[in-house]
Amino acid sequence: MSDRSGIFAGEDPFAIARAWLAEAEQTEANDPNAIALATVDSAGMPNTRMVLLKDIEDGAFVFYTNYESAKAQELEQAGKAAFVMHWKSLRRQIRVRGTISREDGPQADEYYKSRSLKSRLGAWASKQSQPLDSRGALMAEVAKVTAAKGPNPPRPPFWGGYRLTPVEIEFWADGAFRLHDRFRWRRKESAGEWEILRLNP
């Protein structure tokens, strides 16, 4: 598209997303990789929460969570999700919609090992999304897990990754007088060819 230049240039949307994230890492004060992840439950009620995006692959976006959490149950049931990354410092955002699959193999093991010991133990201790009597009860569970699992705990069987393979990606940048720039990349299936359109703001 003739006017798709500058920050929107390129034929690979994942490369563009990585470039935008790298730029945001220099300007955002906290968690430049934060995404607002949207799911839907079995009754069709939508849900959203902040999650940290951990990888932008050549064909997908990867994040990690407890497989017994509400978000995981909704991801598994629907098999699809959406998210938005917004960077206030850059006045840009990326919106993504697509299908969901688990990342439950060596890649998840490697990411788990890269986390701090306290985070690894916390993954064992927290029964994510379940009722909790008190913070004291949670800290007692952390102490119990620390004694049982030691300094090199394995990845819990109930904790791992999800890969969102997009069928739609939209790149948005703030424009003067609210005349924003928007380019939507869309394909009918996860391995199809991209159609790129400029959208009205």
Protein backbone atom coordinates (compact mmCIF):
# COMPACT_ATOMS: atom_id res chain seq x y z
CA MET A 1 0.00 0.00 0.00
CA SER A 2 1.59 3.23 -1.17
CA ASP A 3 1.09 5.27 1.99
CA ARG A 4 2.06 2.48 4.41
CA SER A 5 5.48 3.82 5.31
CA GLY A 6 7.51 4.85 8.35
CA ILE A 7 6.51 2.90 11.47
CA PHE A 8 3.94 0.93 9.43
CA ALA A 9 6.37 -0.20 6.70
CA GLY A 10 7.19 -3.85 6.05
CA GLU A 11 5.61 -7.08 4.84
CA ASP A 12 5.82 -8.99 8.13
CA PRO A 13 3.37 -7.88 10.85
CA PHE A 14 5.27 -9.81 13.53
CA ALA A 15 8.46 -7.92 12.69
CA ILE A 16 6.53 -4.64 12.92
CA ALA A 17 5.11 -5.70 16.31
CA ARG A 18 8.59 -6.62 17.58
CA ALA A 19 9.95 -3.25 16.42
CA TRP A 20 7.16 -1.35 18.17
CA LEU A 21 7.68 -3.35 21.38
CA ALA A 22 11.44 -2.72 21.27
CA GLU A 23 10.76 1.01 20.94
CA ALA A 24 8.28 0.89 23.83
CA GLU A 25 10.88 -0.82 26.01
CA GLN A 26 12.87 2.43 25.83
CA THR A 27 9.95 4.71 26.72
CA GLU A 28 7.41 2.90 28.92
CA ALA A 29 8.02 3.17 32.65
CA ASN A 30 6.57 -0.23 33.53
CA ASP A 31 5.75 -3.48 31.72
CA PRO A 32 5.95 -2.42 28.05
CA ASN A 33 4.94 -6.00 27.19
CA ALA A 34 1.62 -5.79 29.09
CA ILE A 35 -1.46 -6.80 27.11
CA ALA A 36 -5.16 -6.60 27.95
CA LEU A 37 -6.27 -10.16 27.18
CA ALA A 38 -9.95 -10.66 26.34
CA THR A 39 -11.72 -14.00 26.60
CA VAL A 40 -15.33 -15.18 26.80
CA ASP A 41 -16.87 -17.72 29.20
CA SER A 42 -19.24 -20.58 28.38
CA ALA A 43 -22.25 -18.27 28.79
CA GLY A 44 -20.81 -15.76 26.31
CA MET A 45 -19.89 -13.22 29.01
CA PRO A 46 -16.66 -11.40 28.11
CA ASN A 47 -13.74 -11.07 30.47
CA THR A 48 -10.48 -9.13 30.35
CA ARG A 49 -7.29 -8.82 32.39
CA MET A 50 -3.68 -7.67 32.07
CA VAL A 51 -1.11 -10.33 31.15
CA LEU A 52 2.57 -10.07 30.23
CA LEU A 53 3.35 -11.05 26.65
CA LYS A 54 6.55 -13.09 26.69
CA ASP A 55 7.33 -13.75 23.03
CA ILE A 56 6.47 -12.49 19.57
CA GLU A 57 7.30 -15.42 17.31
CA ASP A 58 7.37 -15.43 13.51
CA GLY A 59 3.71 -16.43 13.46
CA ALA A 60 2.20 -16.02 16.91
CA PHE A 61 2.18 -14.31 20.33
CA VAL A 62 2.97 -16.29 23.51
CA PHE A 63 2.07 -15.70 27.17
CA TYR A 64 2.02 -17.90 30.28
CA THR A 65 -0.45 -18.65 33.05
CA ASN A 66 -1.92 -21.21 35.43
CA TYR A 67 -3.94 -23.76 33.42
CA GLU A 68 -6.49 -23.96 36.25
CA SER A 69 -7.19 -20.20 36.24
CA ALA A 70 -10.40 -18.64 34.97
CA LYS A 71 -8.60 -17.23 31.95
CA ALA A 72 -7.21 -20.65 31.01
CA GLN A 73 -10.62 -22.30 31.32
CA GLU A 74 -12.09 -19.63 29.04
CA LEU A 75 -9.22 -19.95 26.55
CA GLU A 76 -9.62 -23.73 26.42
CA GLN A 77 -13.40 -23.58 26.07
CA ALA A 78 -13.51 -20.96 23.31
CA GLY A 79 -10.25 -21.75 21.53
CA LYS A 80 -9.86 -18.09 20.59
CA ALA A 81 -9.03 -14.76 22.20
CA ALA A 82 -8.05 -11.16 21.55
CA PHE A 83 -5.71 -8.66 23.12
CA VAL A 84 -4.59 -5.06 22.87
CA MET A 85 -1.14 -3.64 23.65
CA HIS A 86 -1.25 0.10 24.36
CA TRP A 87 1.75 2.35 24.85
CA LYS A 88 0.84 5.75 26.24
CA SER A 89 4.36 7.09 25.76
CA LEU A 90 4.33 6.24 22.02
CA ARG A 91 0.61 6.91 21.49
CA ARG A 92 0.34 3.59 19.69
CA GLN A 93 -1.50 0.32 20.08
CA ILE A 94 -1.69 -3.12 18.51
CA ARG A 95 -4.94 -5.11 18.49
CA VAL A 96 -4.83 -8.87 17.84
CA ARG A 97 -7.52 -11.53 17.38
CA GLY A 98 -6.96 -15.22 16.72
CA THR A 99 -6.95 -18.85 17.75
CA ILE A 100 -5.41 -20.33 20.89
CA SER A 101 -3.22 -23.38 21.45
CA ARG A 102 -1.14 -24.54 24.41
CA GLU A 103 2.61 -24.14 24.68
CA ASP A 104 3.25 -26.97 27.12
CA GLY A 105 6.64 -28.31 26.04
CA PRO A 106 10.34 -27.43 26.21
CA GLN A 107 9.71 -23.76 25.43
CA ALA A 108 7.46 -23.49 28.50
CA ASP A 109 10.10 -25.32 30.58
CA GLU A 110 12.79 -22.89 29.46
CA TYR A 111 10.69 -19.83 30.21
CA TYR A 112 9.75 -21.20 33.66
CA LYS A 113 13.45 -21.77 34.46
CA SER A 114 14.24 -18.18 33.45
CA ARG A 115 11.90 -16.74 36.10
CA SER A 116 13.10 -15.75 39.57
CA LEU A 117 13.02 -18.48 42.21
CA LYS A 118 10.27 -16.65 44.13
CA SER A 119 8.13 -16.48 40.98
CA ARG A 120 8.67 -20.19 40.30
CA LEU A 121 7.68 -21.09 43.84
CA GLY A 122 4.73 -18.71 43.65
CA ALA A 123 3.43 -20.57 40.60
CA TRP A 124 3.31 -23.74 42.72
CA ALA A 125 1.73 -22.01 45.73
CA SER A 126 -1.06 -20.01 44.07
CA LYS A 127 -4.33 -21.69 43.21
CA GLN A 128 -5.04 -18.93 40.73
CA SER A 129 -8.59 -17.52 40.63
CA GLN A 130 -9.69 -19.68 43.60
CA PRO A 131 -10.93 -18.13 46.90
CA LEU A 132 -8.17 -17.27 49.42
CA ASP A 133 -8.69 -16.90 53.17
CA SER A 134 -5.89 -14.39 53.68
CA ARG A 135 -2.51 -13.25 52.41
CA GLY A 136 -1.03 -15.02 55.42
CA ALA A 137 -2.46 -18.31 54.16
CA LEU A 138 -0.84 -17.71 50.78
CA MET A 139 2.54 -16.94 52.33
CA ALA A 140 2.27 -20.08 54.46
CA GLU A 141 1.69 -22.08 51.28
CA VAL A 142 4.75 -20.44 49.69
CA ALA A 143 6.84 -21.49 52.73
CA LYS A 144 5.49 -25.03 52.50
CA VAL A 145 6.26 -25.25 48.79
CA THR A 146 9.75 -23.79 49.33
CA ALA A 147 10.55 -26.54 51.82
CA ALA A 148 9.13 -29.25 49.58
CA LYS A 149 10.46 -28.15 46.17
CA GLY A 150 13.85 -26.70 47.09
CA PRO A 151 15.94 -24.24 45.09
CA ASN A 152 15.23 -25.68 41.63
CA PRO A 153 11.51 -26.49 41.40
CA PRO A 154 10.26 -28.10 38.20
CA ARG A 155 7.55 -26.43 36.14
CA PRO A 156 4.16 -27.28 37.65
CA PRO A 157 2.01 -29.54 35.44
CA PHE A 158 -0.79 -26.98 35.80
CA TRP A 159 1.30 -24.03 34.60
CA GLY A 160 2.45 -23.20 31.08
CA GLY A 161 1.94 -21.16 27.97
CA TYR A 162 -0.63 -20.23 25.38
CA ARG A 163 0.09 -19.28 21.80
CA LEU A 164 -2.29 -16.88 20.04
CA THR A 165 -2.07 -17.31 16.27
CA PRO A 166 -3.70 -14.24 14.74
CA VAL A 167 -6.19 -13.95 11.93
CA GLU A 168 -6.29 -10.18 12.46
CA ILE A 169 -3.74 -7.60 13.61
CA GLU A 170 -4.35 -3.87 13.68
CA PHE A 171 -1.61 -1.29 14.08
CA TRP A 172 -2.85 2.09 15.37
CA ALA A 173 -0.95 5.34 15.87
CA ASP A 174 -2.23 8.64 17.21
CA GLY A 175 -2.77 11.35 14.63
CA ALA A 176 -3.35 15.09 14.80
CA PHE A 177 -6.95 16.20 15.34
CA ARG A 178 -7.88 12.56 16.12
CA LEU A 179 -7.20 11.61 12.51
CA HIS A 180 -5.39 8.46 13.59
CA ASP A 181 -3.52 6.05 11.33
CA ARG A 182 -4.89 2.50 11.31
CA PHE A 183 -3.76 -0.46 9.24
CA ARG A 184 -5.55 -3.81 9.56
CA TRP A 185 -3.88 -7.05 8.54
CA ARG A 186 -6.50 -9.78 8.07
CA ARG A 187 -6.51 -13.37 6.80
CA LYS A 188 -9.25 -15.99 6.64
CA GLU A 189 -7.19 -18.68 8.39
CA SER A 190 -4.03 -18.77 10.48
CA ALA A 191 -1.80 -19.84 7.58
CA GLY A 192 -3.45 -17.70 4.89
CA GLU A 193 -2.27 -14.64 3.01
CA TRP A 194 -2.65 -11.27 4.66
CA GLU A 195 -4.96 -8.60 3.27
CA ILE A 196 -3.85 -5.15 4.41
CA LEU A 197 -6.26 -2.23 4.56
CA ARG A 198 -6.01 1.32 5.82
CA LEU A 199 -9.01 2.07 8.03
CA ASN A 200 -10.74 5.33 8.84
CA PRO A 201 -9.90 6.60 12.33
